[in-house]
Amino acid sequence: MAQRPRIGRRELEREVADSRCCARPGVGQALDLDDSMLDVARAHAPELPWFRADLAQFDPALLGIAADFDLVLAAGNVLPLLAAGTEVAVVKRLAGVLRPGGLLVAGFGLDAAHLPVPPGITLAEYDESCAAVGLALVGRFATWDADAYDGGGYAVSVHRASA
């Protein structure tokens, strides 16, 4: 099977737009483990169903969520702030809800200037975790605006599930 090309800014915008326009009713789901964060999130996006769940033990079936997402977004330093040793399990759980060809997009800090605590995972470790569950790196950016990544302290990584 032919590999899809790497993703640039325009391609990423198109992929996300395609995911949104093809969404089924109720497809937007969101979760967090921290009740105070859920309260804030519900206030900002009351139209979304919010669930309290631990990503390391996330089982969409227990929440009544179909595991067929086009896009999973892990924003806000989700990966480096996980409990130590759970990073691989979380990547596996997130990859497990993607449709073939779906995207896992994660942005997180890599140094003290971008994190409130020492980093829990490096980019190399994250990429290895993704590869281990069938996700291929298709793009990496320095910002959510898709600025070119130059090895700085923050990265937005885009991985695609095998088709």
Foldseek 3Di string as FASTA:
>chain_A
DDDDAFDALVRVVVLVVVQVVPDDPLQAEEEEQDPVVVVVVCVVCVVHHYDHDQLLPDDVVVVVHQLEGQEDEAEDANQQPHDAPSNLSNLLSNLRSYHAFHKYKYKHFQCVVGDVDHGRDHPVRNQVSCVVNAWAWRAKAQDPSRHRDDPDGMIITMITHHD
